[in-house]
PDB file of N, CA and C in Angstrom:
ATOM      1  N   MET A   1     156.579 189.227  44.195  1.00  0.00           N
ATOM      2  CA  MET A   1     155.867 190.018  45.172  1.00  0.00           C
ATOM      3  C   MET A   1     154.387 189.657  45.212  1.00  0.00           C
ATOM      4  N   TRP A   2     153.784 189.550  44.019  1.00  0.00           N
ATOM      5  CA  TRP A   2     152.358 189.217  43.959  1.00  0.00           C
ATOM      6  C   TRP A   2     152.098 187.813  44.484  1.00  0.00           C
ATOM      7  N   ASP A   3     153.030 186.925  44.228  1.00  0.00           N
ATOM      8  CA  ASP A   3     152.870 185.555  44.727  1.00  0.00           C
ATOM      9  C   ASP A   3     152.842 185.536  46.252  1.00  0.00           C
ATOM     10  N   ALA A   4     153.686 186.337  46.860  1.00  0.00           N
ATOM     11  CA  ALA A   4     153.729 186.400  48.326  1.00  0.00           C
ATOM     12  C   ALA A   4     152.414 186.946  48.877  1.00  0.00           C
ATOM     13  N   ILE A   5     151.882 187.991  48.253  1.00  0.00           N
ATOM     14  CA  ILE A   5     150.609 188.566  48.705  1.00  0.00           C
ATOM     15  C   ILE A   5     149.473 187.566  48.516  1.00  0.00           C
ATOM     16  N   THR A   6     149.476 186.892  47.377  1.00  0.00           N
ATOM     17  CA  THR A   6     148.451 185.873  47.110  1.00  0.00           C
ATOM     18  C   THR A   6     148.519 184.764  48.148  1.00  0.00           C
ATOM     19  N   THR A   7     149.732 184.333  48.483  1.00  0.00           N
ATOM     20  CA  THR A   7     149.910 183.279  49.486  1.00  0.00           C
ATOM     21  C   THR A   7     149.388 183.722  50.840  1.00  0.00           C
ATOM     22  N   VAL A   8     149.661 184.947  51.235  1.00  0.00           N
ATOM     23  CA  VAL A   8     149.186 185.468  52.524  1.00  0.00           C
ATOM     24  C   VAL A   8     147.662 185.531  52.537  1.00  0.00           C
ATOM     25  N   ILE A   9     147.057 185.964  51.455  1.00  0.00           N
ATOM     26  CA  ILE A   9     145.593 186.036  51.384  1.00  0.00           C
ATOM     27  C   ILE A   9     144.989 184.633  51.491  1.00  0.00           C
ATOM     28  N   LYS A  10     145.566 183.678  50.807  1.00  0.00           N
ATOM     29  CA  LYS A  10     145.072 182.292  50.878  1.00  0.00           C
ATOM     30  C   LYS A  10     145.230 181.737  52.294  1.00  0.00           C
ATOM     31  N   MET A  11     146.362 182.030  52.924  1.00  0.00           N
ATOM     32  CA  MET A  11     146.594 181.553  54.291  1.00  0.00           C
ATOM     33  C   MET A  11     145.583 182.170  55.255  1.00  0.00           C
ATOM     34  N   ASN A  12     145.286 183.452  55.076  1.00  0.00           N
ATOM     35  CA  ASN A  12     144.312 184.128  55.926  1.00  0.00           C
ATOM     36  C   ASN A  12     142.946 183.462  55.810  1.00  0.00           C
ATOM     37  N   ASP A  13     142.561 183.116  54.590  1.00  0.00           N
ATOM     38  CA  ASP A  13     141.285 182.438  54.373  1.00  0.00           C
ATOM     39  C   ASP A  13     141.257 181.084  55.088  1.00  0.00           C
ATOM     40  N   LYS A  14     142.353 180.359  54.997  1.00  0.00           N
ATOM     41  CA  LYS A  14     142.436 179.057  55.663  1.00  0.00           C
ATOM     42  C   LYS A  14     142.370 179.208  57.176  1.00  0.00           C
ATOM     43  N   VAL A  15     143.033 180.216  57.715  1.00  0.00           N
ATOM     44  CA  VAL A  15     143.010 180.457  59.159  1.00  0.00           C
ATOM     45  C   VAL A  15     141.587 180.798  59.620  1.00  0.00           C
ATOM     46  N   GLU A  16     140.894 181.621  58.859  1.00  0.00           N
ATOM     47  CA  GLU A  16     139.520 181.978  59.215  1.00  0.00           C
ATOM     48  C   GLU A  16     138.596 180.759  59.189  1.00  0.00           C
ATOM     49  N   ARG A  17     138.751 179.902  58.183  1.00  0.00           N
ATOM     50  CA  ARG A  17     137.937 178.680  58.127  1.00  0.00           C
ATOM     51  C   ARG A  17     138.269 177.744  59.283  1.00  0.00           C
ATOM     52  N   MET A  18     139.552 177.655  59.608  1.00  0.00           N
ATOM     53  CA  MET A  18     139.978 176.809  60.728  1.00  0.00           C
ATOM     54  C   MET A  18     139.394 177.321  62.038  1.00  0.00           C
ATOM     55  N   ALA A  19     139.375 178.635  62.230  1.00  0.00           N
ATOM     56  CA  ALA A  19     138.812 179.219  63.446  1.00  0.00           C
ATOM     57  C   ALA A  19     137.331 178.884  63.560  1.00  0.00           C
ATOM     58  N   ALA A  20     136.610 178.963  62.459  1.00  0.00           N
ATOM     59  CA  ALA A  20     135.186 178.627  62.468  1.00  0.00           C
ATOM     60  C   ALA A  20     134.980 177.152  62.803  1.00  0.00           C
ATOM     61  N   THR A  21     135.828 176.300  62.263  1.00  0.00           N
ATOM     62  CA  THR A  21     135.739 174.867  62.552  1.00  0.00           C
ATOM     63  C   THR A  21     136.014 174.603  64.027  1.00  0.00           C
ATOM     64  N   ILE A  22     136.998 175.277  64.582  1.00  0.00           N
ATOM     65  CA  ILE A  22     137.352 175.092  65.994  1.00  0.00           C
ATOM     66  C   ILE A  22     136.200 175.531  66.889  1.00  0.00           C
ATOM     67  N   ILE A  23     135.553 176.629  66.559  1.00  0.00           N
ATOM     68  CA  ILE A  23     134.412 177.096  67.347  1.00  0.00           C
ATOM     69  C   ILE A  23     133.295 176.058  67.326  1.00  0.00           C
ATOM     70  N   THR A  24     133.005 175.520  66.154  1.00  0.00           N
ATOM     71  CA  THR A  24     131.968 174.489  66.032  1.00  0.00           C
ATOM     72  C   THR A  24     132.325 173.258  66.849  1.00  0.00           C
ATOM     73  N   GLN A  25     133.572 172.821  66.765  1.00  0.00           N
ATOM     74  CA  GLN A  25     134.003 171.645  67.515  1.00  0.00           C
ATOM     75  C   GLN A  25     133.922 171.888  69.021  1.00  0.00           C
ATOM     76  N   GLN A  26     134.277 173.081  69.465  1.00  0.00           N
ATOM     77  CA  GLN A  26     134.204 173.412  70.887  1.00  0.00           C
ATOM     78  C   GLN A  26     132.764 173.355  71.380  1.00  0.00           C
ATOM     79  N   GLN A  27     131.828 173.849  70.567  1.00  0.00           N
ATOM     80  CA  GLN A  27     130.414 173.793  70.946  1.00  0.00           C
ATOM     81  C   GLN A  27     129.931 172.349  71.052  1.00  0.00           C
ATOM     82  N   LYS A  28     130.387 171.494  70.130  1.00  0.00           N
ATOM     83  CA  LYS A  28     130.011 170.078  70.188  1.00  0.00           C
ATOM     84  C   LYS A  28     130.578 169.424  71.446  1.00  0.00           C
ATOM     85  N   ILE A  29     131.817 169.737  71.776  1.00  0.00           N
ATOM     86  CA  ILE A  29     132.449 169.173  72.975  1.00  0.00           C
ATOM     87  C   ILE A  29     131.695 169.604  74.228  1.00  0.00           C
ATOM     88  N   GLU A  30     131.319 170.880  74.298  1.00  0.00           N
ATOM     89  CA  GLU A  30     130.580 171.369  75.461  1.00  0.00           C
ATOM     90  C   GLU A  30     129.223 170.678  75.573  1.00  0.00           C
ATOM     91  N   GLY A  31     128.557 170.454  74.450  1.00  0.00           N
ATOM     92  CA  GLY A  31     127.286 169.740  74.457  1.00  0.00           C
ATOM     93  C   GLY A  31     127.450 168.311  74.949  1.00  0.00           C
ATOM     94  N   LEU A  32     128.499 167.648  74.498  1.00  0.00           N
ATOM     95  CA  LEU A  32     128.754 166.277  74.947  1.00  0.00           C
ATOM     96  C   LEU A  32     129.099 166.237  76.435  1.00  0.00           C
ATOM     97  N   THR A  33     129.837 167.221  76.903  1.00  0.00           N
ATOM     98  CA  THR A  33     130.172 167.288  78.324  1.00  0.00           C
ATOM     99  C   THR A  33     128.906 167.408  79.159  1.00  0.00           C
ATOM    100  N   GLU A  34     127.983 168.254  78.722  1.00  0.00           N
ATOM    101  CA  GLU A  34     126.715 168.402  79.440  1.00  0.00           C
ATOM    102  C   GLU A  34     125.951 167.087  79.468  1.00  0.00           C
ATOM    103  N   ARG A  35     125.943 166.368  78.360  1.00  0.00           N
ATOM    104  CA  ARG A  35     125.238 165.082  78.304  1.00  0.00           C
ATOM    105  C   ARG A  35     125.878 164.065  79.256  1.00  0.00           C
ATOM    106  N   VAL A  36     127.200 164.041  79.305  1.00  0.00           N
ATOM    107  CA  VAL A  36     127.896 163.101  80.196  1.00  0.00           C
ATOM    108  C   VAL A  36     127.552 163.414  81.649  1.00  0.00           C
ATOM    109  N   ILE A  37     127.501 164.690  81.996  1.00  0.00           N
ATOM    110  CA  ILE A  37     127.152 165.076  83.367  1.00  0.00           C
ATOM    111  C   ILE A  37     125.754 164.574  83.706  1.00  0.00           C
ATOM    112  N   ARG A  38     124.801 164.754  82.783  1.00  0.00           N
ATOM    113  CA  ARG A  38     123.437 164.278  83.035  1.00  0.00           C
ATOM    114  C   ARG A  38     123.400 162.756  83.170  1.00  0.00           C
ATOM    115  N   LEU A  39     124.161 162.059  82.331  1.00  0.00           N
ATOM    116  CA  LEU A  39     124.205 160.598  82.425  1.00  0.00           C
ATOM    117  C   LEU A  39     124.823 160.139  83.739  1.00  0.00           C
ATOM    118  N   GLU A  40     125.891 160.800  84.161  1.00  0.00           N
ATOM    119  CA  GLU A  40     126.515 160.444  85.437  1.00  0.00           C
ATOM    120  C   GLU A  40     125.542 160.647  86.590  1.00  0.00           C
ATOM    121  N   THR A  41     124.798 161.744  86.535  1.00  0.00           N
ATOM    122  CA  THR A  41     123.819 162.022  87.590  1.00  0.00           C
ATOM    123  C   THR A  41     122.741 160.947  87.617  1.00  0.00           C
ATOM    124  N   ALA A  42     122.237 160.587  86.447  1.00  0.00           N
ATOM    125  CA  ALA A  42     121.205 159.551  86.369  1.00  0.00           C
ATOM    126  C   ALA A  42     121.742 158.215  86.888  1.00  0.00           C
ATOM    127  N   LEU A  43     122.976 157.906  86.557  1.00  0.00           N
ATOM    128  CA  LEU A  43     123.586 156.660  87.035  1.00  0.00           C
ATOM    129  C   LEU A  43     123.731 156.669  88.551  1.00  0.00           C
ATOM    130  N   GLU A  44     124.197 157.775  89.103  1.00  0.00           N
ATOM    131  CA  GLU A  44     124.351 157.876  90.554  1.00  0.00           C
ATOM    132  C   GLU A  44     123.007 157.728  91.259  1.00  0.00           C
ATOM    133  N   ILE A  45     121.980 158.349  90.714  1.00  0.00           N
ATOM    134  CA  ILE A  45     120.648 158.233  91.312  1.00  0.00           C
ATOM    135  C   ILE A  45     120.163 156.796  91.241  1.00  0.00           C
ATOM    136  N   GLY A  46     120.347 156.174  90.080  1.00  0.00           N
ATOM    137  CA  GLY A  46     119.923 154.782  89.925  1.00  0.00           C
ATOM    138  C   GLY A  46     120.656 153.851  90.868  1.00  0.00           C
ATOM    139  N   LEU A  47     121.954 154.047  91.009  1.00  0.00           N
ATOM    140  CA  LEU A  47     122.729 153.195  91.920  1.00  0.00           C
ATOM    141  C   LEU A  47     122.319 153.432  93.371  1.00  0.00           C
ATOM    142  N   ALA A  48     122.062 154.677  93.720  1.00  0.00           N
ATOM    143  CA  ALA A  48     121.654 154.989  95.090  1.00  0.00           C
ATOM    144  C   ALA A  48     120.300 154.358  95.407  1.00  0.00           C
ATOM    145  N   ARG A  49     119.408 154.364  94.458  1.00  0.00           N
ATOM    146  CA  ARG A  49     118.085 153.746  94.668  1.00  0.00           C
ATOM    147  C   ARG A  49     118.219 152.243  94.876  1.00  0.00           C
ATOM    148  N   ASN A  50     119.100 151.619  94.102  1.00  0.00           N
ATOM    149  CA  ASN A  50     119.286 150.173  94.232  1.00  0.00           C
ATOM    150  C   ASN A  50     119.887 149.792  95.576  1.00  0.00           C
ATOM    151  N   ARG A  51     120.752 150.631  96.091  1.00  0.00           N
ATOM    152  CA  ARG A  51     121.404 150.324  97.365  1.00  0.00           C
ATOM    153  C   ARG A  51     120.470 150.522  98.554  1.00  0.00           C
ATOM    154  N   SER A  52     119.720 151.626  98.535  1.00  0.00           N
ATOM    155  CA  SER A  52     118.951 151.971  99.730  1.00  0.00           C
ATOM    156  C   SER A  52     117.462 151.704  99.600  1.00  0.00           C
ATOM    157  N   GLY A  53     116.986 151.620  98.381  1.00  0.00           N
ATOM    158  CA  GLY A  53     115.552 151.482  98.186  1.00  0.00           C
ATOM    159  C   GLY A  53     114.812 152.791  98.363  1.00  0.00           C
ATOM    160  N   LYS A  54     115.538 153.850  98.692  1.00  0.00           N
ATOM    161  CA  LYS A  54     114.949 155.171  98.871  1.00  0.00           C
ATOM    162  C   LYS A  54     115.334 156.062  97.697  1.00  0.00           C
ATOM    163  N   VAL A  55     114.560 157.108  97.515  1.00  0.00           N
ATOM    164  CA  VAL A  55     114.865 158.079  96.474  1.00  0.00           C
ATOM    165  C   VAL A  55     115.803 159.120  97.080  1.00  0.00           C
ATOM    166  N   PRO A  56     117.011 159.261  96.534  1.00  0.00           N
ATOM    167  CA  PRO A  56     117.948 160.245  97.089  1.00  0.00           C
ATOM    168  C   PRO A  56     117.514 161.664  96.732  1.00  0.00           C
ATOM    169  N   PRO A  57     118.032 162.652  97.446  1.00  0.00           N
ATOM    170  CA  PRO A  57     117.693 164.033  97.100  1.00  0.00           C
ATOM    171  C   PRO A  57     118.222 164.381  95.719  1.00  0.00           C
ATOM    172  N   ARG A  58     117.573 165.347  95.096  1.00  0.00           N
ATOM    173  CA  ARG A  58     117.962 165.752  93.745  1.00  0.00           C
ATOM    174  C   ARG A  58     119.358 166.373  93.777  1.00  0.00           C
ATOM    175  N   ILE A  59     120.175 165.996  92.824  1.00  0.00           N
ATOM    176  CA  ILE A  59     121.531 166.523  92.701  1.00  0.00           C
ATOM    177  C   ILE A  59     121.523 167.551  91.587  1.00  0.00           C
ATOM    178  N   GLU A  60     121.883 168.774  91.910  1.00  0.00           N
ATOM    179  CA  GLU A  60     121.924 169.841  90.905  1.00  0.00           C
ATOM    180  C   GLU A  60     123.243 169.753  90.143  1.00  0.00           C
ATOM    181  N   PRO A  61     123.194 169.866  88.804  1.00  0.00           N
ATOM    182  CA  PRO A  61     124.447 169.810  88.025  1.00  0.00           C
ATOM    183  C   PRO A  61     125.314 171.032  88.298  1.00  0.00           C
ATOM    184  N   GLU A  62     126.628 170.798  88.270  1.00  0.00           N
ATOM    185  CA  GLU A  62     127.573 171.891  88.468  1.00  0.00           C
ATOM    186  C   GLU A  62     127.731 172.635  87.162  1.00  0.00           C
ATOM    187  N   GLU A  63     128.053 173.906  87.255  1.00  0.00           N
ATOM    188  CA  GLU A  63     128.274 174.700  86.026  1.00  0.00           C
ATOM    189  C   GLU A  63     129.724 174.900  85.777  1.00  0.00           C
TER     190      GLU A  63
END
């Protein structure tokens, strides 16, 4: 009986640590997504300038 309770307590601790890790990873992914959006915007602006020689209007990032 005690072994079963001990196992459940250990599993709960592992689940809580895993949840914290997942939250951290999700925040990193969201940060990288934001960076990719900014890079794509900069690339589009740069390509548009090369094609037309004009400065295109500012593109607002989507949320």
